[in-house]
């Protein structure tokens, strides 16, 4: 084999190695990417059923249900237009409460429930995660009683 041919094979091997490494990095990045959806988008079928994503909104008042003797909790997240039931097993953040802005990471089940692996809550009274704030729809106006 001539030296010129050896260099050509060396360059081709380097290009193939860099290409393979780049392809693996892109696949790993794509698998770890978590897209954000609000409950309206989830209920419209825009969220993936086969992969993890984030859902956010406000915890609906009166919706938090804790299972006796376990860390299982169920609650409903709303964007004031649509709502989605969320199941979570674990310790909730100290600032988690009804009416609070939250983001949950997890998967959508075939039954339409969102099973969360992690739940995040806002950290003070003036802050709401930007994704949640941008996805909330205004509350419908109520007619004054009279």
N, C-alpha and C. Protein backbone atom coordinates (compact mmCIF):
# COMPACT_ATOMS: atom_id res chain seq x y z
N UNK A 1 0.85 -1.17 0.00
CA UNK A 1 0.00 0.00 0.00
C UNK A 1 0.90 1.24 0.00
N UNK A 2 0.56 2.19 -0.82
CA UNK A 2 1.38 3.40 -0.95
C UNK A 2 1.09 4.35 0.21
N UNK A 3 2.08 5.22 0.51
CA UNK A 3 1.86 6.19 1.60
C UNK A 3 0.66 7.10 1.34
N UNK A 4 0.42 7.42 0.08
CA UNK A 4 -0.70 8.28 -0.26
C UNK A 4 -2.03 7.60 0.08
N UNK A 5 -2.12 6.32 -0.21
CA UNK A 5 -3.33 5.56 0.05
C UNK A 5 -3.53 5.41 1.57
N UNK A 6 -2.44 5.21 2.34
CA UNK A 6 -2.53 5.11 3.80
C UNK A 6 -3.07 6.40 4.40
N UNK A 7 -2.60 7.54 3.90
CA UNK A 7 -3.10 8.83 4.39
C UNK A 7 -4.58 8.99 4.07
N UNK A 8 -4.98 8.59 2.88
CA UNK A 8 -6.39 8.69 2.47
C UNK A 8 -7.26 7.86 3.41
N UNK A 9 -6.85 6.61 3.70
CA UNK A 9 -7.61 5.77 4.62
C UNK A 9 -7.62 6.37 6.02
N UNK A 10 -6.53 6.97 6.45
CA UNK A 10 -6.46 7.62 7.75
C UNK A 10 -7.43 8.78 7.84
N UNK A 11 -7.45 9.62 6.81
CA UNK A 11 -8.36 10.77 6.77
C UNK A 11 -9.81 10.29 6.75
N UNK A 12 -10.10 9.26 5.94
CA UNK A 12 -11.46 8.72 5.87
C UNK A 12 -11.89 8.13 7.23
N UNK A 13 -10.95 7.46 7.92
CA UNK A 13 -11.26 6.89 9.23
C UNK A 13 -11.56 8.00 10.24
N UNK A 14 -10.79 9.08 10.20
CA UNK A 14 -11.04 10.22 11.10
C UNK A 14 -12.39 10.85 10.81
N UNK A 15 -12.71 11.05 9.55
CA UNK A 15 -14.01 11.64 9.16
C UNK A 15 -15.15 10.73 9.61
N UNK A 16 -15.00 9.42 9.42
CA UNK A 16 -16.04 8.48 9.83
C UNK A 16 -16.20 8.50 11.35
N UNK A 17 -15.11 8.56 12.10
CA UNK A 17 -15.18 8.61 13.56
C UNK A 17 -15.84 9.87 14.06
N UNK A 18 -15.49 11.02 13.49
CA UNK A 18 -16.10 12.29 13.89
C UNK A 18 -17.59 12.29 13.54
N UNK A 19 -17.93 11.75 12.38
CA UNK A 19 -19.34 11.69 11.97
C UNK A 19 -20.15 10.80 12.92
N UNK A 20 -19.59 9.65 13.29
CA UNK A 20 -20.28 8.74 14.22
C UNK A 20 -20.45 9.40 15.59
N UNK A 21 -19.41 10.07 16.08
CA UNK A 21 -19.50 10.74 17.38
C UNK A 21 -20.55 11.85 17.34
N UNK A 22 -20.59 12.61 16.25
CA UNK A 22 -21.58 13.68 16.11
C UNK A 22 -23.00 13.10 16.09
N UNK A 23 -23.20 12.02 15.35
CA UNK A 23 -24.52 11.40 15.28
C UNK A 23 -24.96 10.90 16.65
N UNK A 24 -24.06 10.28 17.40
CA UNK A 24 -24.40 9.79 18.75
C UNK A 24 -24.72 10.95 19.69
N UNK A 25 -23.96 12.04 19.58
CA UNK A 25 -24.22 13.22 20.43
C UNK A 25 -25.59 13.81 20.13
N UNK A 26 -25.94 13.91 18.87
CA UNK A 26 -27.24 14.46 18.48
C UNK A 26 -28.37 13.57 18.98
N UNK A 27 -28.22 12.25 18.86
CA UNK A 27 -29.25 11.32 19.35
C UNK A 27 -29.40 11.42 20.86
N UNK A 28 -28.29 11.52 21.58
CA UNK A 28 -28.36 11.64 23.04
C UNK A 28 -29.02 12.95 23.44
N UNK A 29 -28.70 14.02 22.74
CA UNK A 29 -29.30 15.32 23.03
C UNK A 29 -30.80 15.28 22.78
N UNK A 30 -31.20 14.67 21.68
CA UNK A 30 -32.62 14.59 21.32
C UNK A 30 -33.39 13.79 22.36
N UNK A 31 -32.79 12.72 22.89
CA UNK A 31 -33.46 11.90 23.90
C UNK A 31 -33.63 12.64 25.22
N UNK A 32 -32.74 13.56 25.54
CA UNK A 32 -32.79 14.28 26.81
C UNK A 32 -33.51 15.61 26.73
N UNK A 33 -33.98 15.99 25.57
CA UNK A 33 -34.67 17.25 25.39
C UNK A 33 -36.10 17.13 25.93
N UNK A 34 -36.50 18.05 26.80
CA UNK A 34 -37.85 18.04 27.36
C UNK A 34 -38.62 19.26 26.84
N UNK A 35 -39.62 19.01 26.02
CA UNK A 35 -40.43 20.10 25.49
C UNK A 35 -41.52 20.45 26.49
N UNK A 36 -41.96 21.71 26.47
CA UNK A 36 -43.00 22.19 27.38
C UNK A 36 -44.33 22.27 26.64
N UNK A 37 -45.38 21.79 27.28
CA UNK A 37 -46.74 21.88 26.74
C UNK A 37 -47.66 22.36 27.85
N UNK A 38 -48.66 23.16 27.49
CA UNK A 38 -49.67 23.54 28.48
C UNK A 38 -50.83 22.54 28.37
N UNK A 39 -51.74 22.52 29.34
CA UNK A 39 -52.83 21.54 29.30
C UNK A 39 -53.69 21.61 28.03
N UNK A 40 -53.88 22.79 27.46
CA UNK A 40 -54.65 22.90 26.22
C UNK A 40 -53.97 22.15 25.09
N UNK A 41 -52.66 22.29 24.98
CA UNK A 41 -51.91 21.58 23.94
C UNK A 41 -51.94 20.07 24.18
N UNK A 42 -51.83 19.65 25.44
CA UNK A 42 -51.86 18.22 25.75
C UNK A 42 -53.22 17.64 25.38
N UNK A 43 -54.30 18.32 25.76
CA UNK A 43 -55.64 17.82 25.47
C UNK A 43 -55.96 17.84 23.98
N UNK A 44 -55.28 18.71 23.23
CA UNK A 44 -55.47 18.76 21.78
C UNK A 44 -54.65 17.70 21.05
N UNK A 45 -53.87 16.91 21.80
CA UNK A 45 -53.09 15.84 21.19
C UNK A 45 -51.76 16.28 20.62
N UNK A 46 -51.28 17.46 20.98
CA UNK A 46 -50.01 17.96 20.45
C UNK A 46 -48.81 17.41 21.21
N UNK A 47 -49.02 16.87 22.41
CA UNK A 47 -47.92 16.35 23.22
C UNK A 47 -47.65 14.89 22.85
N UNK A 48 -46.38 14.47 22.93
CA UNK A 48 -46.06 13.08 22.58
C UNK A 48 -46.54 12.10 23.65
N UNK A 49 -46.97 10.92 23.22
CA UNK A 49 -47.41 9.89 24.15
C UNK A 49 -46.25 8.97 24.51
N UNK A 50 -45.25 8.89 23.65
CA UNK A 50 -44.18 7.91 23.81
C UNK A 50 -42.89 8.46 24.40
N UNK A 51 -42.87 9.73 24.81
CA UNK A 51 -41.64 10.27 25.39
C UNK A 51 -41.95 11.29 26.47
N UNK A 52 -40.92 11.63 27.26
CA UNK A 52 -41.09 12.58 28.35
C UNK A 52 -41.22 14.01 27.83
N UNK A 53 -41.98 14.80 28.57
CA UNK A 53 -42.10 16.23 28.29
C UNK A 53 -42.49 16.93 29.59
N UNK A 54 -42.61 18.25 29.54
CA UNK A 54 -43.00 19.03 30.70
C UNK A 54 -44.39 19.60 30.47
N UNK A 55 -45.20 19.60 31.51
CA UNK A 55 -46.51 20.24 31.46
C UNK A 55 -46.56 21.22 32.62
N UNK A 56 -47.18 22.37 32.38
CA UNK A 56 -47.23 23.37 33.44
C UNK A 56 -48.51 24.15 33.43
N UNK A 57 -48.79 24.74 34.56
CA UNK A 57 -49.98 25.56 34.74
C UNK A 57 -50.17 25.80 36.23
N UNK A 58 -51.41 26.02 36.59
CA UNK A 58 -51.76 26.26 37.99
C UNK A 58 -52.40 25.01 38.57
N UNK A 59 -52.11 24.72 39.83
CA UNK A 59 -52.75 23.61 40.52
C UNK A 59 -54.18 24.04 40.85
N UNK A 60 -55.14 23.31 40.35
CA UNK A 60 -56.55 23.64 40.55
C UNK A 60 -56.93 23.52 42.02
N UNK A 61 -57.65 24.52 42.51
CA UNK A 61 -58.09 24.54 43.91
C UNK A 61 -58.98 23.33 44.19
N UNK A 62 -58.74 22.65 45.30
CA UNK A 62 -59.54 21.50 45.70
C UNK A 62 -59.20 20.21 44.98
N UNK A 63 -58.16 20.19 44.16
CA UNK A 63 -57.86 19.00 43.37
C UNK A 63 -56.79 18.10 43.96
N UNK A 64 -56.08 18.56 44.99
CA UNK A 64 -54.97 17.78 45.54
C UNK A 64 -55.52 16.65 46.41
N UNK A 65 -55.17 15.40 46.04
CA UNK A 65 -55.60 14.22 46.79
C UNK A 65 -54.36 13.40 47.13
N UNK A 66 -54.17 13.14 48.41
CA UNK A 66 -53.03 12.35 48.85
C UNK A 66 -53.51 10.96 49.24
N UNK A 67 -52.73 9.95 48.87
CA UNK A 67 -53.05 8.57 49.24
C UNK A 67 -52.56 8.30 50.66
N UNK A 68 -53.42 7.72 51.46
CA UNK A 68 -53.09 7.42 52.85
C UNK A 68 -51.97 6.38 52.91
N UNK A 69 -50.93 6.67 53.68
CA UNK A 69 -49.85 5.71 53.90
C UNK A 69 -48.84 5.61 52.77
N UNK A 70 -48.88 6.52 51.79
CA UNK A 70 -47.89 6.49 50.71
C UNK A 70 -47.56 7.92 50.29
N UNK A 71 -46.62 8.03 49.40
CA UNK A 71 -46.23 9.35 48.89
C UNK A 71 -46.98 9.71 47.61
N UNK A 72 -47.96 8.90 47.23
CA UNK A 72 -48.75 9.13 46.01
C UNK A 72 -49.65 10.36 46.20
N UNK A 73 -49.60 11.26 45.22
CA UNK A 73 -50.47 12.44 45.24
C UNK A 73 -51.03 12.64 43.84
N UNK A 74 -52.26 13.06 43.77
CA UNK A 74 -52.93 13.38 42.51
C UNK A 74 -53.41 14.82 42.59
N UNK A 75 -53.28 15.53 41.49
CA UNK A 75 -53.77 16.89 41.42
C UNK A 75 -54.06 17.23 39.97
N UNK A 76 -54.72 18.35 39.76
CA UNK A 76 -55.08 18.78 38.40
C UNK A 76 -54.35 20.08 38.10
N UNK A 77 -53.74 20.13 36.92
CA UNK A 77 -53.05 21.33 36.45
C UNK A 77 -53.91 21.95 35.35
N UNK A 78 -54.10 23.26 35.44
CA UNK A 78 -54.93 23.96 34.46
C UNK A 78 -54.21 25.18 33.90
N UNK A 79 -54.61 25.57 32.69
CA UNK A 79 -54.15 26.84 32.12
C UNK A 79 -55.35 27.78 31.98
N UNK A 80 -56.39 27.51 32.76
CA UNK A 80 -57.65 28.26 32.78
C UNK A 80 -58.50 28.04 31.53
N UNK A 81 -58.09 27.11 30.68
CA UNK A 81 -58.92 26.70 29.54
C UNK A 81 -59.17 25.20 29.59
N UNK A 82 -58.10 24.45 29.73
CA UNK A 82 -58.17 22.99 29.82
C UNK A 82 -57.43 22.56 31.08
N UNK A 83 -57.70 21.34 31.51
CA UNK A 83 -57.04 20.78 32.69
C UNK A 83 -56.54 19.38 32.39
N UNK A 84 -55.49 18.98 33.11
CA UNK A 84 -54.95 17.63 32.95
C UNK A 84 -54.67 17.05 34.32
N UNK A 85 -55.10 15.79 34.58
CA UNK A 85 -54.80 15.16 35.86
C UNK A 85 -53.34 14.73 35.91
N UNK A 86 -52.70 14.93 37.05
CA UNK A 86 -51.29 14.58 37.25
C UNK A 86 -51.20 13.63 38.43
N UNK A 87 -50.40 12.57 38.26
CA UNK A 87 -50.08 11.65 39.35
C UNK A 87 -48.59 11.77 39.63
N UNK A 88 -48.25 11.79 40.92
CA UNK A 88 -46.85 11.90 41.31
C UNK A 88 -46.63 11.10 42.57
N UNK A 89 -45.52 10.38 42.62
CA UNK A 89 -45.17 9.63 43.80
C UNK A 89 -43.81 10.13 44.27
N UNK A 90 -43.79 10.80 45.40
CA UNK A 90 -42.56 11.36 45.93
C UNK A 90 -42.86 12.56 46.80
N UNK A 91 -41.79 13.20 47.25
CA UNK A 91 -41.95 14.39 48.08
C UNK A 91 -42.18 15.61 47.19
N UNK A 92 -43.21 16.35 47.49
CA UNK A 92 -43.50 17.58 46.74
C UNK A 92 -42.66 18.73 47.30
N UNK A 93 -42.39 19.74 46.46
CA UNK A 93 -41.65 20.90 46.97
C UNK A 93 -42.42 21.57 48.11
N UNK A 94 -41.70 22.21 49.02
CA UNK A 94 -42.32 22.88 50.16
C UNK A 94 -43.33 23.94 49.71
N UNK A 95 -43.07 24.58 48.58
CA UNK A 95 -43.94 25.66 48.12
C UNK A 95 -45.11 25.19 47.26
N UNK A 96 -45.28 23.89 47.10
CA UNK A 96 -46.39 23.34 46.33
C UNK A 96 -47.69 23.55 47.09
N UNK A 97 -48.68 24.14 46.42
CA UNK A 97 -50.01 24.29 47.01
C UNK A 97 -51.01 24.63 45.90
N UNK A 98 -52.27 24.57 46.24
CA UNK A 98 -53.34 24.87 45.28
C UNK A 98 -53.26 26.32 44.84
N UNK A 99 -53.52 26.57 43.56
CA UNK A 99 -53.44 27.90 43.00
C UNK A 99 -52.03 28.31 42.62
N UNK A 100 -51.08 27.44 42.85
CA UNK A 100 -49.65 27.68 42.62
C UNK A 100 -49.26 27.29 41.20
N UNK A 101 -48.34 28.04 40.61
CA UNK A 101 -47.77 27.66 39.33
C UNK A 101 -46.79 26.53 39.49
N UNK A 102 -46.94 25.47 38.68
CA UNK A 102 -46.05 24.31 38.75
C UNK A 102 -45.65 23.86 37.36
N UNK A 103 -44.54 23.15 37.31
CA UNK A 103 -44.12 22.44 36.10
C UNK A 103 -43.84 21.01 36.53
N UNK A 104 -44.40 20.05 35.80
CA UNK A 104 -44.18 18.64 36.09
C UNK A 104 -43.47 18.00 34.89
N UNK A 105 -42.46 17.18 35.18
CA UNK A 105 -41.73 16.44 34.15
C UNK A 105 -42.22 15.00 34.19
N UNK A 106 -42.56 14.43 33.05
CA UNK A 106 -43.00 13.04 33.05
C UNK A 106 -43.55 12.62 31.71
N UNK A 107 -44.47 11.65 31.75
CA UNK A 107 -45.05 11.07 30.53
C UNK A 107 -46.57 11.06 30.62
N UNK A 108 -47.17 11.07 29.46
CA UNK A 108 -48.62 10.95 29.32
C UNK A 108 -48.95 9.47 29.18
N UNK A 109 -49.95 8.99 29.95
CA UNK A 109 -50.36 7.60 29.84
C UNK A 109 -51.44 7.47 28.77
N UNK A 110 -51.74 6.23 28.42
CA UNK A 110 -52.79 5.96 27.43
C UNK A 110 -54.15 6.46 27.92
N UNK A 111 -54.35 6.46 29.25
CA UNK A 111 -55.64 6.89 29.81
C UNK A 111 -55.78 8.41 29.87
N UNK A 112 -54.71 9.14 29.54
CA UNK A 112 -54.78 10.60 29.55
C UNK A 112 -54.24 11.26 30.80
N UNK A 113 -53.82 10.46 31.79
CA UNK A 113 -53.18 11.01 32.98
C UNK A 113 -51.73 11.33 32.67
N UNK A 114 -51.20 12.31 33.37
CA UNK A 114 -49.79 12.64 33.26
C UNK A 114 -49.11 12.08 34.50
N UNK A 115 -48.14 11.18 34.31
CA UNK A 115 -47.41 10.60 35.44
C UNK A 115 -46.08 11.34 35.54
N UNK A 116 -45.92 12.08 36.61
CA UNK A 116 -44.75 12.94 36.79
C UNK A 116 -43.62 12.21 37.51
N UNK A 117 -42.40 12.48 37.04
CA UNK A 117 -41.19 12.01 37.72
C UNK A 117 -40.66 13.08 38.67
N UNK A 118 -41.00 14.34 38.36
CA UNK A 118 -40.52 15.48 39.14
C UNK A 118 -41.55 16.60 39.06
N UNK A 119 -41.75 17.30 40.17
CA UNK A 119 -42.67 18.44 40.21
C UNK A 119 -41.89 19.64 40.76
N UNK A 120 -41.96 20.75 40.04
CA UNK A 120 -41.30 21.99 40.46
C UNK A 120 -42.35 23.04 40.74
N UNK A 121 -42.13 23.86 41.77
CA UNK A 121 -43.06 24.93 42.12
C UNK A 121 -42.31 26.25 42.12
N UNK A 122 -43.05 27.35 41.97
CA UNK A 122 -42.40 28.66 41.99
C UNK A 122 -41.75 28.89 43.34
N UNK A 123 -40.72 29.73 43.38
CA UNK A 123 -39.96 29.85 44.62
C UNK A 123 -40.30 31.05 45.47
N UNK A 124 -41.11 31.98 44.99
CA UNK A 124 -41.61 33.05 45.87
C UNK A 124 -42.92 33.56 45.30
N UNK A 125 -43.54 34.49 45.99
CA UNK A 125 -44.87 34.95 45.61
C UNK A 125 -44.91 35.73 44.30
N UNK A 126 -43.80 36.30 43.87
CA UNK A 126 -43.81 37.13 42.67
C UNK A 126 -43.31 36.40 41.42
N UNK A 127 -42.82 35.19 41.55
CA UNK A 127 -42.22 34.49 40.43
C UNK A 127 -43.11 33.37 39.95
N UNK A 128 -43.21 33.23 38.64
CA UNK A 128 -43.86 32.09 38.03
C UNK A 128 -42.97 31.66 36.88
N UNK A 129 -42.74 30.35 36.68
CA UNK A 129 -41.89 29.94 35.57
C UNK A 129 -42.38 30.57 34.27
N UNK A 130 -41.46 31.10 33.44
CA UNK A 130 -41.86 31.80 32.22
C UNK A 130 -42.74 30.96 31.30
N UNK A 131 -42.47 29.65 31.23
CA UNK A 131 -43.29 28.79 30.38
C UNK A 131 -44.73 28.76 30.85
N UNK A 132 -44.91 28.72 32.19
CA UNK A 132 -46.26 28.66 32.76
C UNK A 132 -46.95 30.00 32.56
N UNK A 133 -46.27 31.09 32.87
CA UNK A 133 -46.87 32.42 32.74
C UNK A 133 -47.30 32.68 31.30
N UNK A 134 -46.49 32.28 30.35
CA UNK A 134 -46.82 32.51 28.93
C UNK A 134 -47.93 31.61 28.42
N UNK A 135 -48.16 30.47 29.08
CA UNK A 135 -49.15 29.54 28.58
C UNK A 135 -50.51 29.68 29.24
N UNK A 136 -50.59 30.48 30.31
CA UNK A 136 -51.88 30.64 30.99
C UNK A 136 -52.81 31.52 30.17
N UNK A 137 -54.03 31.06 30.06
CA UNK A 137 -55.06 31.84 29.40
C UNK A 137 -55.78 32.66 30.46
N UNK A 138 -56.24 33.85 30.12
CA UNK A 138 -56.94 34.65 31.13
C UNK A 138 -58.18 33.93 31.63
N UNK A 139 -58.48 34.14 32.89
CA UNK A 139 -59.68 33.55 33.48
C UNK A 139 -60.90 34.18 32.82
N UNK A 140 -61.94 33.40 32.54
CA UNK A 140 -63.16 33.97 31.96
C UNK A 140 -63.79 34.96 32.94
N UNK A 141 -64.30 36.05 32.40
CA UNK A 141 -64.95 37.06 33.24
C UNK A 141 -66.26 36.50 33.79
N UNK A 142 -66.56 36.83 35.01
CA UNK A 142 -67.82 36.38 35.61
C UNK A 142 -68.78 37.55 35.68
N UNK A 143 -70.03 37.25 35.51
CA UNK A 143 -71.08 38.26 35.58
C UNK A 143 -71.34 38.63 37.03
N UNK A 144 -71.47 39.90 37.34
CA UNK A 144 -71.80 40.27 38.72
C UNK A 144 -73.22 39.78 39.07
N UNK A 145 -73.36 39.31 40.30
CA UNK A 145 -74.66 38.83 40.75
C UNK A 145 -75.57 40.02 40.99
N UNK A 146 -76.78 39.89 40.57
CA UNK A 146 -77.63 41.04 40.87
C UNK A 146 -78.93 40.91 40.36
